Amino acid sequence: AVIRAYWSGYTERCGYCIQKCMNLFGQGAQPIACVAKFFFGLNAIDLLRKKRHASKSKEGLRKAIAAMKDAAANSEWNFMNKLRLLEAEQKSITQNHWLAIDLYDASIQSAKKSGFIHEQGLACEKAGFYFKNKAGNNEKALEYFKQARACYDEWGSSMKVGLIKKEIDSLDVSGS
């Protein structure tokens, strides 16, 4: 339910499901708890962008990043891309432009190396939104959105392919 709610864009539902998941699996280091913490961090970023629950969301993001650091120390191939994506999103909010870009790219490469095509697509999508909304660079946004669309297509998610296609179509890029 957590993952479906997040991928579908239901921030409030995702937060509710994450709390339920954390109550069931605790704060341990089991893979399912680590994945829940990753989505908890992504959800916290979304809430910060919507200016909801700012102090709670900042603390949630901090805890999620700490959990991903621990998880990546034990299983780099499984969690490094998640850590880098959370860090990139954090830097994008704090206006640390160059570091955010480096971290998005590191997340994309790590997900690709690990064979997590859906998480590669997610990192590309988030980088695309960063370039579109924060950096004001539609050409770079288009590059990342096209990569995200290819990843989601390979993953088999027609819903995500459709959403990314809408983003691509909304970009004002001459000659594309």
N, C-alpha and C. Protein backbone atom coordinates (compact mmCIF):
# COMPACT_ATOMS: atom_id res chain seq x y z
N ALA A 1 0.82 -1.20 0.00
CA ALA A 1 0.00 0.00 0.00
C ALA A 1 0.87 1.26 0.00
N VAL A 2 1.99 1.23 0.73
CA VAL A 2 2.89 2.38 0.81
C VAL A 2 3.40 2.73 -0.58
N ILE A 3 3.94 1.74 -1.25
CA ILE A 3 4.56 1.97 -2.55
C ILE A 3 3.52 2.40 -3.57
N ARG A 4 2.37 1.74 -3.58
CA ARG A 4 1.31 2.11 -4.52
C ARG A 4 0.85 3.54 -4.28
N ALA A 5 0.67 3.91 -3.02
CA ALA A 5 0.23 5.27 -2.71
C ALA A 5 1.27 6.29 -3.16
N TYR A 6 2.55 6.00 -2.91
CA TYR A 6 3.59 6.95 -3.32
C TYR A 6 3.65 7.08 -4.83
N TRP A 7 3.73 5.95 -5.54
CA TRP A 7 3.86 5.98 -7.00
C TRP A 7 2.64 6.62 -7.65
N SER A 8 1.48 6.55 -6.98
CA SER A 8 0.26 7.14 -7.53
C SER A 8 0.12 8.62 -7.18
N GLY A 9 1.01 9.12 -6.32
CA GLY A 9 0.99 10.54 -5.98
C GLY A 9 0.08 10.91 -4.82
N TYR A 10 -0.32 9.93 -4.03
CA TYR A 10 -1.20 10.20 -2.89
C TYR A 10 -0.36 10.39 -1.63
N THR A 11 0.13 11.60 -1.42
CA THR A 11 1.06 11.91 -0.34
C THR A 11 0.46 11.60 1.03
N GLU A 12 -0.73 12.07 1.28
CA GLU A 12 -1.35 11.86 2.61
C GLU A 12 -1.59 10.37 2.86
N ARG A 13 -2.10 9.66 1.89
CA ARG A 13 -2.33 8.22 2.03
C ARG A 13 -1.01 7.48 2.24
N CYS A 14 0.02 7.90 1.52
CA CYS A 14 1.34 7.29 1.67
C CYS A 14 1.84 7.46 3.10
N GLY A 15 1.71 8.66 3.63
CA GLY A 15 2.14 8.91 5.01
C GLY A 15 1.40 8.04 6.01
N TYR A 16 0.11 7.89 5.81
CA TYR A 16 -0.70 7.05 6.70
C TYR A 16 -0.23 5.59 6.62
N CYS A 17 -0.04 5.11 5.41
CA CYS A 17 0.39 3.72 5.22
C CYS A 17 1.79 3.48 5.78
N ILE A 18 2.66 4.45 5.65
CA ILE A 18 4.02 4.32 6.19
C ILE A 18 3.96 4.17 7.70
N GLN A 19 3.13 4.98 8.35
CA GLN A 19 3.02 4.88 9.81
C GLN A 19 2.52 3.49 10.21
N LYS A 20 1.56 2.97 9.49
CA LYS A 20 1.06 1.62 9.76
C LYS A 20 2.17 0.60 9.58
N CYS A 21 2.93 0.74 8.51
CA CYS A 21 4.03 -0.18 8.21
C CYS A 21 5.08 -0.12 9.31
N MET A 22 5.42 1.09 9.75
CA MET A 22 6.43 1.24 10.80
C MET A 22 5.94 0.62 12.10
N ASN A 23 4.65 0.72 12.37
CA ASN A 23 4.10 0.09 13.57
C ASN A 23 4.18 -1.43 13.48
N LEU A 24 3.97 -1.97 12.29
CA LEU A 24 4.04 -3.42 12.10
C LEU A 24 5.46 -3.96 12.16
N PHE A 25 6.37 -3.29 11.45
CA PHE A 25 7.73 -3.81 11.30
C PHE A 25 8.74 -3.15 12.23
N GLY A 26 8.32 -2.12 12.94
CA GLY A 26 9.22 -1.46 13.88
C GLY A 26 10.25 -0.61 13.19
N GLN A 27 11.22 -0.20 13.94
CA GLN A 27 12.26 0.69 13.45
C GLN A 27 13.53 -0.08 13.08
N GLY A 28 13.41 -1.38 12.93
CA GLY A 28 14.58 -2.22 12.68
C GLY A 28 15.19 -2.02 11.30
N ALA A 29 16.15 -2.89 11.03
CA ALA A 29 16.92 -2.78 9.78
C ALA A 29 16.50 -3.83 8.75
N GLN A 30 15.36 -4.49 8.97
CA GLN A 30 14.91 -5.45 7.98
C GLN A 30 14.70 -4.73 6.65
N PRO A 31 14.90 -5.44 5.55
CA PRO A 31 14.73 -4.78 4.24
C PRO A 31 13.39 -4.06 4.07
N ILE A 32 12.30 -4.65 4.54
CA ILE A 32 10.99 -4.00 4.37
C ILE A 32 10.93 -2.70 5.16
N ALA A 33 11.52 -2.69 6.36
CA ALA A 33 11.53 -1.46 7.16
C ALA A 33 12.41 -0.40 6.49
N CYS A 34 13.52 -0.81 5.89
CA CYS A 34 14.39 0.13 5.20
C CYS A 34 13.70 0.74 3.98
N VAL A 35 12.98 -0.07 3.25
CA VAL A 35 12.25 0.44 2.09
C VAL A 35 11.15 1.41 2.55
N ALA A 36 10.48 1.06 3.64
CA ALA A 36 9.45 1.96 4.19
C ALA A 36 10.06 3.29 4.58
N LYS A 37 11.26 3.26 5.17
CA LYS A 37 11.93 4.50 5.57
C LYS A 37 12.33 5.33 4.34
N PHE A 38 12.71 4.66 3.26
CA PHE A 38 13.02 5.37 2.02
C PHE A 38 11.79 6.14 1.53
N PHE A 39 10.65 5.46 1.48
CA PHE A 39 9.43 6.13 1.02
C PHE A 39 8.96 7.17 2.03
N PHE A 40 9.25 6.95 3.30
CA PHE A 40 8.97 7.95 4.32
C PHE A 40 9.75 9.23 4.01
N GLY A 41 11.01 9.08 3.63
CA GLY A 41 11.83 10.23 3.26
C GLY A 41 11.33 10.93 2.01
N LEU A 42 10.98 10.16 0.99
CA LEU A 42 10.44 10.76 -0.23
C LEU A 42 9.13 11.50 0.06
N ASN A 43 8.32 10.89 0.90
CA ASN A 43 7.04 11.51 1.26
C ASN A 43 7.29 12.80 2.04
N ALA A 44 8.29 12.79 2.92
CA ALA A 44 8.63 14.00 3.69
C ALA A 44 9.04 15.13 2.75
N ILE A 45 9.81 14.80 1.72
CA ILE A 45 10.21 15.80 0.72
C ILE A 45 8.97 16.39 0.04
N ASP A 46 8.05 15.52 -0.36
CA ASP A 46 6.83 16.00 -1.02
C ASP A 46 6.05 16.93 -0.09
N LEU A 47 5.96 16.58 1.18
CA LEU A 47 5.25 17.43 2.14
C LEU A 47 5.98 18.76 2.34
N LEU A 48 7.31 18.73 2.37
CA LEU A 48 8.07 19.99 2.49
C LEU A 48 7.82 20.88 1.28
N ARG A 49 7.76 20.29 0.10
CA ARG A 49 7.50 21.09 -1.10
C ARG A 49 6.11 21.70 -1.08
N LYS A 50 5.17 20.98 -0.46
CA LYS A 50 3.80 21.49 -0.36
C LYS A 50 3.62 22.38 0.87
N LYS A 51 4.72 22.57 1.62
CA LYS A 51 4.73 23.41 2.82
C LYS A 51 3.75 22.89 3.87
N ARG A 52 3.72 21.58 4.03
CA ARG A 52 2.88 20.94 5.05
C ARG A 52 3.78 20.25 6.07
N HIS A 53 3.44 20.40 7.33
CA HIS A 53 4.12 19.69 8.41
C HIS A 53 5.64 19.85 8.33
N ALA A 54 6.11 21.09 8.17
CA ALA A 54 7.52 21.35 7.87
C ALA A 54 8.47 20.77 8.91
N SER A 55 8.27 21.05 10.19
CA SER A 55 9.25 20.57 11.18
C SER A 55 9.21 19.05 11.28
N LYS A 56 8.03 18.47 11.24
CA LYS A 56 7.90 17.01 11.29
C LYS A 56 8.51 16.38 10.04
N SER A 57 8.30 17.01 8.89
CA SER A 57 8.84 16.48 7.64
C SER A 57 10.36 16.58 7.59
N LYS A 58 10.92 17.68 8.07
CA LYS A 58 12.39 17.82 8.10
C LYS A 58 13.00 16.75 8.98
N GLU A 59 12.39 16.49 10.13
CA GLU A 59 12.90 15.46 11.03
C GLU A 59 12.74 14.08 10.40
N GLY A 60 11.63 13.85 9.72
CA GLY A 60 11.41 12.58 9.04
C GLY A 60 12.44 12.35 7.94
N LEU A 61 12.76 13.39 7.20
CA LEU A 61 13.76 13.29 6.15
C LEU A 61 15.13 13.00 6.75
N ARG A 62 15.47 13.70 7.82
CA ARG A 62 16.75 13.47 8.49
C ARG A 62 16.87 12.01 8.95
N LYS A 63 15.80 11.48 9.53
CA LYS A 63 15.81 10.09 10.00
C LYS A 63 15.90 9.11 8.82
N ALA A 64 15.20 9.42 7.74
CA ALA A 64 15.24 8.54 6.56
C ALA A 64 16.64 8.50 5.96
N ILE A 65 17.29 9.65 5.87
CA ILE A 65 18.66 9.69 5.34
C ILE A 65 19.60 8.92 6.25
N ALA A 66 19.46 9.07 7.55
CA ALA A 66 20.30 8.33 8.49
C ALA A 66 20.08 6.82 8.34
N ALA A 67 18.83 6.42 8.18
CA ALA A 67 18.52 4.99 8.00
C ALA A 67 19.10 4.46 6.69
N MET A 68 19.05 5.27 5.62
CA MET A 68 19.61 4.83 4.34
C MET A 68 21.13 4.76 4.41
N LYS A 69 21.76 5.64 5.18
CA LYS A 69 23.21 5.56 5.35
C LYS A 69 23.59 4.24 6.02
N ASP A 70 22.85 3.89 7.06
CA ASP A 70 23.11 2.61 7.74
C ASP A 70 22.86 1.43 6.81
N ALA A 71 21.75 1.48 6.09
CA ALA A 71 21.40 0.39 5.18
C ALA A 71 22.43 0.26 4.06
N ALA A 72 22.86 1.39 3.49
CA ALA A 72 23.84 1.37 2.41
C ALA A 72 25.20 0.86 2.89
N ALA A 73 25.52 1.11 4.15
CA ALA A 73 26.77 0.59 4.71
C ALA A 73 26.76 -0.94 4.76
N ASN A 74 25.57 -1.51 4.89
CA ASN A 74 25.43 -2.97 4.97
C ASN A 74 25.12 -3.62 3.62
N SER A 75 24.51 -2.86 2.73
CA SER A 75 24.13 -3.40 1.42
C SER A 75 24.12 -2.26 0.40
N GLU A 76 25.32 -1.89 -0.04
CA GLU A 76 25.45 -0.75 -0.96
C GLU A 76 24.64 -0.94 -2.23
N TRP A 77 24.67 -2.13 -2.82
CA TRP A 77 23.99 -2.36 -4.10
C TRP A 77 22.49 -2.14 -3.98
N ASN A 78 21.93 -2.36 -2.78
CA ASN A 78 20.49 -2.24 -2.61
C ASN A 78 20.05 -0.85 -2.16
N PHE A 79 20.90 -0.13 -1.44
CA PHE A 79 20.44 1.10 -0.81
C PHE A 79 21.18 2.37 -1.19
N MET A 80 22.32 2.28 -1.87
CA MET A 80 23.06 3.50 -2.18
C MET A 80 22.26 4.43 -3.10
N ASN A 81 21.57 3.88 -4.08
CA ASN A 81 20.78 4.74 -4.97
C ASN A 81 19.67 5.45 -4.21
N LYS A 82 19.10 4.78 -3.24
CA LYS A 82 18.03 5.38 -2.44
C LYS A 82 18.60 6.52 -1.58
N LEU A 83 19.76 6.26 -0.97
CA LEU A 83 20.41 7.30 -0.18
C LEU A 83 20.72 8.51 -1.04
N ARG A 84 21.33 8.30 -2.20
CA ARG A 84 21.71 9.42 -3.06
C ARG A 84 20.48 10.20 -3.53
N LEU A 85 19.38 9.51 -3.79
CA LEU A 85 18.17 10.21 -4.22
C LEU A 85 17.62 11.08 -3.09
N LEU A 86 17.56 10.54 -1.87
CA LEU A 86 17.09 11.35 -0.75
C LEU A 86 17.99 12.56 -0.53
N GLU A 87 19.30 12.35 -0.64
CA GLU A 87 20.24 13.46 -0.48
C GLU A 87 20.06 14.50 -1.59
N ALA A 88 19.85 14.04 -2.81
CA ALA A 88 19.63 14.97 -3.93
C ALA A 88 18.38 15.80 -3.70
N GLU A 89 17.32 15.15 -3.27
CA GLU A 89 16.08 15.87 -3.00
C GLU A 89 16.25 16.87 -1.87
N GLN A 90 17.00 16.49 -0.85
CA GLN A 90 17.27 17.40 0.25
C GLN A 90 18.05 18.62 -0.25
N LYS A 91 19.06 18.38 -1.06
CA LYS A 91 19.87 19.49 -1.58
C LYS A 91 19.06 20.37 -2.52
N SER A 92 18.11 19.77 -3.23
CA SER A 92 17.28 20.58 -4.14
C SER A 92 16.42 21.56 -3.36
N ILE A 93 16.00 21.17 -2.18
CA ILE A 93 15.19 22.06 -1.34
C ILE A 93 16.04 23.16 -0.73
N THR A 94 17.29 22.83 -0.40
CA THR A 94 18.17 23.82 0.24
C THR A 94 18.94 24.65 -0.78
N GLN A 95 18.58 24.52 -2.05
CA GLN A 95 19.16 25.32 -3.12
C GLN A 95 20.66 25.06 -3.34
N ASN A 96 21.11 23.87 -3.04
CA ASN A 96 22.50 23.50 -3.29
C ASN A 96 22.56 22.85 -4.67
N HIS A 97 22.52 23.68 -5.70
CA HIS A 97 22.32 23.28 -7.09
C HIS A 97 23.31 22.21 -7.56
N TRP A 98 24.58 22.48 -7.48
CA TRP A 98 25.56 21.57 -8.08
C TRP A 98 25.61 20.23 -7.36
N LEU A 99 25.49 20.27 -6.06
CA LEU A 99 25.50 19.02 -5.31
C LEU A 99 24.24 18.20 -5.60
N ALA A 100 23.11 18.88 -5.72
CA ALA A 100 21.86 18.18 -6.06
C ALA A 100 22.02 17.45 -7.40
N ILE A 101 22.55 18.12 -8.39
CA ILE A 101 22.73 17.50 -9.71
C ILE A 101 23.65 16.29 -9.62
N ASP A 102 24.77 16.44 -8.92
CA ASP A 102 25.70 15.32 -8.77
C ASP A 102 25.03 14.13 -8.07
N LEU A 103 24.22 14.42 -7.06
CA LEU A 103 23.55 13.35 -6.32
C LEU A 103 22.45 12.68 -7.13
N TYR A 104 21.71 13.45 -7.93
CA TYR A 104 20.72 12.82 -8.82
C TYR A 104 21.44 11.87 -9.77
N ASP A 105 22.52 12.33 -10.38
CA ASP A 105 23.26 11.49 -11.32
C ASP A 105 23.84 10.25 -10.63
N ALA A 106 24.33 10.43 -9.40
CA ALA A 106 24.87 9.29 -8.65
C ALA A 106 23.77 8.28 -8.35
N SER A 107 22.58 8.76 -8.02
CA SER A 107 21.45 7.87 -7.76
C SER A 107 21.06 7.09 -9.01
N ILE A 108 21.01 7.81 -10.13
CA ILE A 108 20.66 7.18 -11.41
C ILE A 108 21.67 6.08 -11.75
N GLN A 109 22.95 6.39 -11.64
CA GLN A 109 23.99 5.41 -11.97
C GLN A 109 23.97 4.22 -11.02
N SER A 110 23.75 4.47 -9.75
CA SER A 110 23.70 3.40 -8.76
C SER A 110 22.51 2.48 -9.00
N ALA A 111 21.36 3.06 -9.28
CA ALA A 111 20.16 2.24 -9.57
C ALA A 111 20.37 1.41 -10.83
N LYS A 112 20.99 2.02 -11.84
CA LYS A 112 21.27 1.31 -13.09
C LYS A 112 22.21 0.14 -12.83
N LYS A 113 23.28 0.40 -12.09
CA LYS A 113 24.27 -0.64 -11.77
C LYS A 113 23.62 -1.80 -11.01
N SER A 114 22.68 -1.49 -10.14
CA SER A 114 22.02 -2.51 -9.34
C SER A 114 20.85 -3.18 -10.05
N GLY A 115 20.47 -2.66 -11.22
CA GLY A 115 19.38 -3.25 -11.98
C GLY A 115 17.99 -2.86 -11.50
N PHE A 116 17.90 -1.75 -10.78
CA PHE A 116 16.60 -1.27 -10.28
C PHE A 116 16.05 -0.26 -11.27
N ILE A 117 15.47 -0.75 -12.35
CA ILE A 117 15.02 0.11 -13.44
C ILE A 117 13.95 1.10 -12.98
N HIS A 118 13.07 0.68 -12.07
CA HIS A 118 12.02 1.58 -11.58
C HIS A 118 12.61 2.70 -10.73
N GLU A 119 13.65 2.38 -9.94
CA GLU A 119 14.27 3.42 -9.12
C GLU A 119 15.18 4.30 -9.96
N GLN A 120 15.73 3.77 -11.03
CA GLN A 120 16.46 4.59 -11.99
C GLN A 120 15.48 5.59 -12.61
N GLY A 121 14.31 5.10 -12.99
CA GLY A 121 13.29 5.97 -13.56
C GLY A 121 12.84 7.04 -12.57
N LEU A 122 12.69 6.65 -11.31
CA LEU A 122 12.29 7.61 -10.28
C LEU A 122 13.34 8.71 -10.12
N ALA A 123 14.61 8.32 -10.07
CA ALA A 123 15.68 9.32 -9.94
C ALA A 123 15.71 10.24 -11.16
N CYS A 124 15.51 9.68 -12.36
CA CYS A 124 15.46 10.51 -13.57
C CYS A 124 14.26 11.47 -13.52
N GLU A 125 13.13 10.95 -13.07
CA GLU A 125 11.93 11.78 -12.96
C GLU A 125 12.16 12.94 -11.99
N LYS A 126 12.71 12.63 -10.82
CA LYS A 126 12.95 13.67 -9.82
C LYS A 126 13.96 14.69 -10.35
N ALA A 127 14.99 14.23 -11.05
CA ALA A 127 15.96 15.16 -11.65
C ALA A 127 15.27 16.03 -12.70
N GLY A 128 14.38 15.43 -13.48
CA GLY A 128 13.63 16.20 -14.47
C GLY A 128 12.81 17.30 -13.83
N PHE A 129 12.12 16.97 -12.74
CA PHE A 129 11.35 17.99 -12.04
C PHE A 129 12.26 19.06 -11.44
N TYR A 130 13.42 18.65 -10.97
CA TYR A 130 14.36 19.63 -10.43
C TYR A 130 14.75 20.63 -11.51
N PHE A 131 15.12 20.13 -12.68
CA PHE A 131 15.53 21.04 -13.74
C PHE A 131 14.37 21.88 -14.25
N LYS A 132 13.18 21.31 -14.28
CA LYS A 132 12.02 22.07 -14.75
C LYS A 132 11.60 23.14 -13.75
N ASN A 133 11.50 22.77 -12.48
CA ASN A 133 10.90 23.67 -11.49
C ASN A 133 11.89 24.52 -10.72
N LYS A 134 13.07 24.02 -10.48
CA LYS A 134 14.04 24.75 -9.65
C LYS A 134 15.13 25.42 -10.48
N ALA A 135 15.66 24.71 -11.45
CA ALA A 135 16.78 25.23 -12.23
C ALA A 135 16.31 25.99 -13.47
N GLY A 136 15.05 25.82 -13.85
CA GLY A 136 14.52 26.52 -15.01
C GLY A 136 15.19 26.13 -16.32
N ASN A 137 15.62 24.88 -16.41
CA ASN A 137 16.32 24.40 -17.60
C ASN A 137 15.49 23.29 -18.25
N ASN A 138 14.61 23.70 -19.16
CA ASN A 138 13.71 22.73 -19.79
C ASN A 138 14.43 21.72 -20.67
N GLU A 139 15.56 22.10 -21.25
CA GLU A 139 16.30 21.16 -22.10
C GLU A 139 16.82 19.99 -21.26
N LYS A 140 17.42 20.30 -20.10
CA LYS A 140 17.91 19.25 -19.22
C LYS A 140 16.74 18.45 -18.64
N ALA A 141 15.65 19.14 -18.31
CA ALA A 141 14.47 18.45 -17.80
C ALA A 141 13.99 17.44 -18.83
N LEU A 142 13.97 17.84 -20.10
CA LEU A 142 13.54 16.94 -21.16
C LEU A 142 14.43 15.70 -21.24
N GLU A 143 15.74 15.89 -21.14
CA GLU A 143 16.66 14.74 -21.16
C GLU A 143 16.33 13.75 -20.05
N TYR A 144 16.16 14.26 -18.84
CA TYR A 144 15.87 13.37 -17.71
C TYR A 144 14.49 12.73 -17.82
N PHE A 145 13.49 13.51 -18.27
CA PHE A 145 12.15 12.95 -18.42
C PHE A 145 12.13 11.84 -19.49
N LYS A 146 12.89 12.03 -20.56
CA LYS A 146 12.96 10.98 -21.59
C LYS A 146 13.60 9.71 -21.03
N GLN A 147 14.64 9.88 -20.21
CA GLN A 147 15.26 8.72 -19.57
C GLN A 147 14.26 8.04 -18.63
N ALA A 148 13.52 8.84 -17.87
CA ALA A 148 12.53 8.29 -16.95
C ALA A 148 11.46 7.52 -17.72
N ARG A 149 10.99 8.09 -18.82
CA ARG A 149 9.97 7.42 -19.62
C ARG A 149 10.47 6.08 -20.14
N ALA A 150 11.71 6.04 -20.60
CA ALA A 150 12.30 4.78 -21.09
C ALA A 150 12.38 3.75 -19.97
N CYS A 151 12.79 4.19 -18.79
CA CYS A 151 12.88 3.26 -17.65
C CYS A 151 11.50 2.73 -17.27
N TYR A 152 10.54 3.62 -17.17
CA TYR A 152 9.19 3.19 -16.78
C TYR A 152 8.57 2.30 -17.85
N ASP A 153 8.88 2.56 -19.11
CA ASP A 153 8.40 1.71 -20.19
C ASP A 153 8.99 0.30 -20.06
N GLU A 154 10.29 0.25 -19.82
CA GLU A 154 10.95 -1.05 -19.63
C GLU A 154 10.40 -1.77 -18.40
N TRP A 155 10.08 -1.02 -17.37
CA TRP A 155 9.54 -1.57 -16.12
C TRP A 155 8.11 -2.08 -16.34
N GLY A 156 7.43 -1.52 -17.34
CA GLY A 156 6.07 -1.95 -17.66
C GLY A 156 4.98 -1.13 -17.00
N SER A 157 5.29 0.08 -16.58
CA SER A 157 4.30 0.92 -15.92
C SER A 157 3.73 1.94 -16.91
N SER A 158 2.62 1.57 -17.52
CA SER A 158 1.98 2.49 -18.47
C SER A 158 1.48 3.75 -17.78
N MET A 159 1.10 3.63 -16.50
CA MET A 159 0.65 4.81 -15.75
C MET A 159 1.78 5.84 -15.66
N LYS A 160 2.98 5.40 -15.25
CA LYS A 160 4.10 6.32 -15.11
C LYS A 160 4.56 6.84 -16.47
N VAL A 161 4.54 6.00 -17.49
CA VAL A 161 4.90 6.44 -18.84
C VAL A 161 3.95 7.57 -19.26
N GLY A 162 2.66 7.40 -19.00
CA GLY A 162 1.68 8.43 -19.35
C GLY A 162 1.90 9.73 -18.60
N LEU A 163 2.20 9.63 -17.32
CA LEU A 163 2.45 10.83 -16.52
C LEU A 163 3.70 11.57 -17.00
N ILE A 164 4.74 10.82 -17.33
CA ILE A 164 5.97 11.45 -17.81
C ILE A 164 5.75 12.05 -19.19
N LYS A 165 4.97 11.38 -20.03
CA LYS A 165 4.65 11.93 -21.36
C LYS A 165 3.98 13.29 -21.21
N LYS A 166 3.08 13.42 -20.25
CA LYS A 166 2.42 14.72 -20.01
C LYS A 166 3.44 15.78 -19.62
N GLU A 167 4.41 15.41 -18.81
CA GLU A 167 5.45 16.36 -18.41
C GLU A 167 6.27 16.78 -19.63
N ILE A 168 6.64 15.80 -20.44
CA ILE A 168 7.41 16.10 -21.64
C ILE A 168 6.63 17.03 -22.57
N ASP A 169 5.36 16.72 -22.76
CA ASP A 169 4.52 17.55 -23.62
C ASP A 169 4.34 18.97 -23.09
N SER A 170 4.45 19.15 -21.77
CA SER A 170 4.24 20.47 -21.18
C SER A 170 5.48 21.37 -21.27
N LEU A 171 6.62 20.77 -21.59
CA LEU A 171 7.85 21.55 -21.64
C LEU A 171 7.90 22.41 -22.90
N ASP A 172 8.36 23.62 -22.71
CA ASP A 172 8.54 24.53 -23.84
C ASP A 172 9.99 24.47 -24.28
N VAL A 173 10.26 23.52 -25.20
CA VAL A 173 11.62 23.34 -25.70
C VAL A 173 11.54 23.40 -27.22
N SER A 174 12.20 24.38 -27.79
CA SER A 174 12.16 24.51 -29.25
C SER A 174 13.04 23.44 -29.89
N GLY A 175 12.54 22.89 -30.98
CA GLY A 175 13.29 21.91 -31.75
C GLY A 175 13.26 20.51 -31.20
N SER A 176 12.34 20.21 -30.25
CA SER A 176 12.31 18.85 -29.72
C SER A 176 11.14 18.08 -30.21
